[in-house]
Protein backbone atom coordinates (compact mmCIF):
# COMPACT_ATOMS: atom_id res chain seq x y z
CA MET A 1 5.55 18.59 -11.06
CA PRO A 2 8.53 19.31 -9.56
CA SER A 3 10.46 17.15 -6.65
CA ASN A 4 10.14 20.00 -4.31
CA THR A 5 6.38 19.75 -4.06
CA PRO A 6 5.34 20.67 -0.82
CA LYS A 7 3.36 18.35 1.35
CA ALA A 8 0.37 19.81 1.27
CA SER A 9 -0.02 19.18 -2.45
CA LYS A 10 0.60 16.11 -2.20
CA ALA A 11 -1.91 15.50 0.01
CA GLU A 12 -4.24 17.28 -2.24
CA ARG A 13 -3.19 14.93 -5.14
CA ARG A 14 -3.89 12.17 -3.49
CA ASP A 15 -7.75 12.96 -2.47
CA ALA A 16 -7.94 14.76 -5.73
CA ALA A 17 -6.79 10.49 -6.61
CA ARG A 18 -9.31 9.25 -4.07
CA GLU A 19 -11.79 11.24 -5.76
CA GLN A 20 -10.98 10.08 -9.16
CA ALA A 21 -11.07 6.74 -8.28
CA ARG A 22 -14.78 6.72 -6.76
CA VAL A 23 -16.12 8.15 -10.10
CA LEU A 24 -14.43 5.50 -11.88
CA ARG A 25 -15.64 2.69 -9.72
CA GLU A 26 -19.18 4.19 -10.16
CA GLN A 27 -18.85 4.08 -14.08
CA GLN A 28 -17.52 0.62 -14.11
CA ALA A 29 -20.37 -0.64 -11.83
CA LYS A 30 -22.59 -0.10 -14.60
CA ARG A 31 -20.21 -1.78 -17.08
CA ASP A 32 -21.90 -5.22 -18.18
CA LYS A 33 -18.70 -7.30 -16.60
CA ARG A 34 -19.99 -6.22 -13.20
CA ASN A 35 -23.68 -7.15 -14.22
CA LYS A 36 -22.17 -10.78 -14.90
CA ILE A 37 -20.79 -10.92 -11.94
CA LEU A 38 -23.16 -9.21 -9.80
CA GLY A 39 -26.44 -10.14 -11.12
CA ILE A 40 -26.57 -13.22 -12.49
CA GLY A 41 -30.39 -14.36 -12.64
CA GLY A 42 -32.00 -14.19 -9.85
CA LEU A 43 -29.32 -15.87 -7.65
CA SER A 44 -29.05 -13.84 -4.21
CA ALA A 45 -25.63 -12.15 -3.41
CA ALA A 46 -24.65 -14.53 -0.79
CA VAL A 47 -25.15 -17.51 -3.56
CA VAL A 48 -23.16 -15.20 -6.74
CA ALA A 49 -20.24 -14.24 -4.29
CA LEU A 50 -19.84 -18.00 -3.65
CA VAL A 51 -19.61 -19.10 -6.82
CA VAL A 52 -16.97 -16.51 -8.29
CA VAL A 53 -14.75 -17.51 -5.42
CA VAL A 54 -15.35 -21.09 -6.48
CA VAL A 55 -14.66 -19.89 -10.44
CA TYR A 56 -11.77 -18.48 -9.76
CA VAL A 57 -9.80 -21.21 -7.78
CA VAL A 58 -6.29 -21.57 -7.65
CA THR A 59 -4.45 -23.17 -10.71
CA GLN A 60 -0.99 -24.95 -10.56
CA GLY A 61 1.07 -24.16 -13.88
CA THR A 62 0.04 -20.81 -14.82
CA SER A 63 3.64 -19.09 -15.34
CA THR A 64 3.83 -17.14 -18.61
CA SER A 65 6.25 -16.49 -21.24
CA ALA A 66 6.96 -12.42 -19.87
CA LEU A 67 8.10 -13.51 -16.56
CA PRO A 68 11.52 -15.17 -15.03
CA ASP A 69 11.00 -18.78 -14.51
CA TYR A 70 10.64 -18.55 -10.40
CA GLU A 71 11.95 -20.66 -8.03
CA ASP A 72 9.59 -22.35 -5.54
CA LEU A 73 11.47 -20.55 -2.65
CA PRO A 74 9.69 -20.42 0.88
CA LEU A 75 8.50 -16.91 1.34
CA SER A 76 11.17 -16.86 4.17
CA GLU A 77 13.90 -17.50 1.77
CA VAL A 78 13.17 -14.53 -0.47
CA THR A 79 16.08 -12.22 -0.42
CA SER A 80 14.38 -9.04 -2.15
CA VAL A 81 11.24 -8.35 -0.11
CA PRO A 82 9.50 -4.80 0.50
CA THR A 83 10.49 -3.28 3.86
CA VAL A 84 6.71 -2.79 4.46
CA ALA A 85 5.56 -6.39 3.86
CA MET A 86 4.94 -8.74 6.46
CA GLU A 87 6.24 -12.68 7.22
CA ASP A 88 2.96 -13.65 5.05
CA GLY A 89 3.49 -11.50 2.47
CA GLY A 90 0.80 -9.09 3.39
CA ILE A 91 0.78 -5.10 3.40
CA PRO A 92 -0.69 -3.63 6.39
CA THR A 93 -2.01 -0.19 6.84
CA SER A 94 -3.14 1.08 10.09
CA ALA A 95 -3.84 4.45 11.22
CA GLU A 96 0.25 4.46 11.93
CA GLY A 97 0.64 4.49 8.49
CA VAL A 98 1.82 1.58 5.09
CA GLY A 99 3.38 -1.19 7.26
CA VAL A 100 2.68 -0.62 10.63
CA GLY A 101 -0.23 -2.99 12.00
CA ASP A 102 -2.12 -2.10 15.42
CA ASP A 103 -2.25 -5.42 17.39
CA SER A 104 -4.87 -3.97 19.82
CA VAL A 105 -7.48 -3.76 16.92
CA THR A 106 -8.97 -6.12 14.03
CA GLN A 107 -7.39 -7.18 11.60
CA ILE A 108 -8.48 -7.79 8.04
CA ASP A 109 -6.54 -9.78 5.52
CA VAL A 110 -7.28 -9.24 1.67
CA TYR A 111 -5.90 -11.65 -0.69
CA LEU A 112 -6.49 -10.38 -4.26
CA ASP A 113 -5.23 -10.49 -7.83
CA TYR A 114 -5.77 -7.02 -9.88
CA MET A 115 -6.82 -9.31 -13.34
CA CYS A 116 -9.51 -10.42 -11.16
CA PRO A 117 -13.12 -9.41 -11.78
CA ALA A 118 -14.29 -10.30 -8.73
CA CYS A 119 -12.01 -8.16 -6.81
CA GLY A 120 -12.72 -5.46 -8.72
CA ALA A 121 -16.14 -5.62 -7.40
CA PHE A 122 -15.08 -6.43 -3.90
CA GLU A 123 -13.23 -3.32 -4.12
CA SER A 124 -15.45 -1.40 -5.49
CA SER A 125 -18.05 -2.66 -2.65
CA ASN A 126 -16.12 -2.18 0.32
CA GLY A 127 -12.66 -0.60 -0.43
CA GLU A 128 -13.54 2.58 0.70
CA ASN A 129 -14.97 1.13 4.11
CA LEU A 130 -11.46 -0.28 4.66
CA ILE A 131 -9.27 2.83 3.94
CA GLN A 132 -11.11 4.35 6.70
CA LEU A 133 -11.29 1.37 9.12
CA ALA A 134 -7.48 1.60 8.80
CA GLU A 135 -7.21 5.27 8.98
CA SER A 136 -9.65 5.75 11.67
CA GLY A 137 -7.73 3.12 13.82
CA LYS A 138 -10.59 0.46 13.83
CA ALA A 139 -8.80 -2.06 12.07
CA THR A 140 -5.96 -2.75 10.30
CA VAL A 141 -6.36 -3.94 7.05
CA VAL A 142 -3.44 -6.07 5.44
CA TYR A 143 -3.57 -6.37 1.44
CA HIS A 144 -2.06 -9.24 0.08
CA PRO A 145 -1.46 -8.69 -3.52
CA ILE A 146 -0.86 -11.83 -5.41
CA ALA A 147 -0.89 -13.46 -9.12
CA ILE A 148 -3.35 -16.68 -9.45
CA LEU A 149 -5.04 -15.18 -12.76
CA ASN A 150 -1.65 -15.20 -15.14
CA ARG A 151 -3.22 -17.20 -17.67
CA PHE A 152 -5.68 -14.39 -18.62
CA SER A 153 -3.48 -12.09 -20.03
CA ASN A 154 -2.15 -13.55 -22.72
CA GLY A 155 1.25 -14.47 -21.95
CA THR A 156 2.00 -11.01 -20.23
CA GLY A 157 2.19 -11.65 -16.66
CA PHE A 158 0.11 -9.28 -15.67
CA SER A 159 -1.02 -10.20 -12.30
CA THR A 160 2.58 -10.51 -11.26
CA ARG A 161 3.86 -7.24 -12.62
CA ALA A 162 0.98 -5.35 -10.91
CA ALA A 163 0.95 -7.24 -7.63
CA ALA A 164 4.99 -6.52 -7.95
CA ALA A 165 4.17 -2.75 -8.62
CA ALA A 166 2.23 -2.55 -5.77
CA ALA A 167 4.67 -3.97 -3.33
CA LEU A 168 6.86 -1.05 -4.60
CA VAL A 169 4.35 1.80 -4.25
CA ALA A 170 4.08 0.46 -0.78
CA GLN A 171 7.73 0.43 0.01
CA ASP A 172 9.23 3.76 -1.76
CA SER A 173 5.58 5.89 -2.01
CA PRO A 174 3.29 4.94 0.91
CA ALA A 175 1.04 7.25 1.26
CA ALA A 176 -0.27 6.94 -2.13
CA PHE A 177 -0.96 3.07 -1.56
CA SER A 178 -4.45 2.99 -0.91
CA THR A 179 -5.17 5.18 -3.74
CA PHE A 180 -3.13 3.13 -6.09
CA ASN A 181 -4.78 0.25 -5.43
CA GLN A 182 -7.70 1.88 -5.70
CA GLN A 183 -7.04 2.84 -8.91
CA MET A 184 -5.34 -0.18 -10.02
CA PHE A 185 -8.99 -2.01 -9.79
CA ALA A 186 -11.10 1.70 -11.28
CA GLY A 187 -8.60 1.09 -14.70
CA GLN A 188 -8.98 -3.02 -14.61
CA PRO A 189 -8.37 -4.73 -17.46
CA ASP A 190 -10.82 -7.58 -18.83
CA GLU A 191 -9.54 -11.15 -18.45
CA GLY A 192 -8.21 -12.43 -21.81
CA THR A 193 -6.74 -9.40 -22.78
CA SER A 194 -2.86 -8.57 -22.51
CA GLY A 195 -3.86 -6.90 -19.05
CA LEU A 196 -2.04 -3.17 -18.82
CA THR A 197 1.86 -2.82 -19.79
CA ASP A 198 4.33 -1.56 -17.10
CA ALA A 199 3.99 1.78 -18.93
CA GLU A 200 0.53 2.17 -18.14
CA ILE A 201 0.67 0.99 -14.69
CA ALA A 202 3.27 3.97 -13.75
CA ASP A 203 0.73 6.32 -15.23
CA ILE A 204 -1.85 4.61 -12.83
CA ALA A 205 0.79 5.27 -10.48
CA ARG A 206 1.39 8.81 -11.17
CA ASP A 207 -2.91 9.68 -11.29
CA SER A 208 -2.60 8.15 -7.76
CA GLY A 209 -0.12 10.80 -6.28
CA VAL A 210 3.14 7.84 -6.30
CA ASP A 211 6.04 9.93 -6.77
CA ASP A 212 7.71 10.33 -10.80
CA ASP A 213 10.91 8.37 -10.12
CA VAL A 214 8.90 5.14 -8.48
CA ALA A 215 6.50 5.29 -11.55
CA ASP A 216 9.34 5.37 -13.45
CA ARG A 217 10.65 2.20 -12.08
CA ILE A 218 7.48 0.58 -12.70
CA ALA A 219 7.58 1.87 -15.98
CA ASP A 220 10.82 0.35 -16.88
CA GLY A 221 10.61 -3.64 -15.68
CA GLY A 222 12.30 -2.29 -12.11
CA ALA A 223 9.45 -3.12 -9.98
CA LEU A 224 9.14 -6.66 -11.07
CA GLU A 225 12.97 -7.32 -11.27
CA SER A 226 13.01 -6.40 -7.68
CA PHE A 227 10.00 -8.38 -6.26
CA GLY A 228 8.64 -10.72 -9.03
CA GLN A 229 10.07 -13.51 -6.75
CA TRP A 230 8.51 -12.00 -3.99
CA VAL A 231 5.06 -12.04 -5.51
CA HIS A 232 5.75 -15.48 -6.66
CA SER A 233 6.77 -16.88 -3.27
CA ALA A 234 3.72 -14.66 -1.63
CA THR A 235 1.50 -16.72 -4.12
CA ASN A 236 2.78 -20.18 -3.55
CA ALA A 237 2.16 -19.65 0.57
CA ALA A 238 -1.46 -18.28 0.12
CA SER A 239 -2.39 -21.01 -2.36
CA ALA A 240 -0.52 -23.62 0.04
CA ASN A 241 -2.16 -22.36 3.79
CA ALA A 242 -5.31 -24.66 4.42
CA ASP A 243 -6.62 -21.64 6.82
CA LEU A 244 -7.52 -20.00 3.69
CA VAL A 245 -9.27 -22.36 2.19
CA ASN A 246 -13.17 -21.48 1.73
CA PRO A 247 -14.94 -24.21 3.80
CA THR A 248 -17.67 -24.05 1.46
CA SER A 249 -15.99 -24.55 -1.86
CA GLY A 250 -13.14 -26.89 -0.45
CA ASN A 251 -10.51 -23.64 -2.27
CA PHE A 252 -8.49 -20.74 -2.23
CA GLY A 253 -9.31 -18.39 -4.66
CA THR A 254 -9.60 -14.79 -4.84
CA PRO A 255 -10.76 -12.53 -3.26
CA THR A 256 -10.44 -14.35 0.20
CA ILE A 257 -10.97 -12.01 2.85
CA ALA A 258 -10.16 -13.24 6.70
CA ILE A 259 -11.33 -11.61 10.14
CA ASP A 260 -8.88 -12.29 12.54
CA GLY A 261 -7.29 -15.08 11.12
CA VAL A 262 -10.83 -16.46 10.21
CA VAL A 263 -11.68 -16.71 6.28
CA TRP A 264 -14.95 -14.51 6.08
CA THR A 265 -17.66 -15.82 3.62
CA GLU A 266 -20.59 -13.67 3.99
CA ASN A 267 -22.17 -11.09 1.52
CA TRP A 268 -19.16 -9.02 0.64
CA SER A 269 -21.13 -7.34 -2.13
CA ASP A 270 -22.96 -5.71 0.75
CA PRO A 271 -20.46 -3.29 2.07
CA SER A 272 -22.95 -3.01 5.38
CA ALA A 273 -22.10 -7.09 5.93
CA LEU A 274 -18.17 -6.62 6.08
CA LEU A 275 -18.83 -3.50 8.49
CA SER A 276 -21.11 -5.51 10.56
CA ALA A 277 -18.90 -8.67 10.88
CA ILE A 278 -15.69 -6.13 12.27
CA ASN A 279 -18.11 -4.41 15.06
């Protein structure tokens, strides 16, 4: 596509990508993986949600050979930070766009790992509602891409690479950020695989309406080079934050949802539950 494509065409491409993401999410819902997460025996959905959170509790020592040996720097000392990110590592989205929050409305924080199947299930149930809440000005939705599941990607560091790509998209192609987040979960790799290559993440970015030059930087490892340390430090900060501990399990895991700073532990598999909590 020529670089001088009118804005209207980009908007149309973004809408088409969102529709594609919706279809892919519906297909994903039929897969055995989601059945395993949300359809275990006769357990209630609320109990399943709790079990999922417990399963994905953070464990230390998950560095992988594909990643640099990042320093355990405080987030405040990281020098290469996405311009749209908040001090706590969140990327806010609101009616004003990506990188801008609205203090007058409810804030919803979503801590996610792109390798986490429970995060994929949460996105399938609530992702579109979150986008609509932000775009309508009813809430500020803050996404926290972190990396606690690198150990499940056969040494490729997929969680960190994916989070760094999301940060780059949010900064340099913000209009496509929400769709990119949807598409990453729609095409989510299984745990225990090598995840997606940088080139495959870049293809998802292009399908989401991300500018070609930004997608190229994902493909050649530029996203990881720019924001890998930021992802590492943001992950450590979230893991060490006592306010993010699930009061039932006593641990932090993904997905973690907070509403106005308070961890929300109700049945997120029901899309109406989160909307009710916000209202």
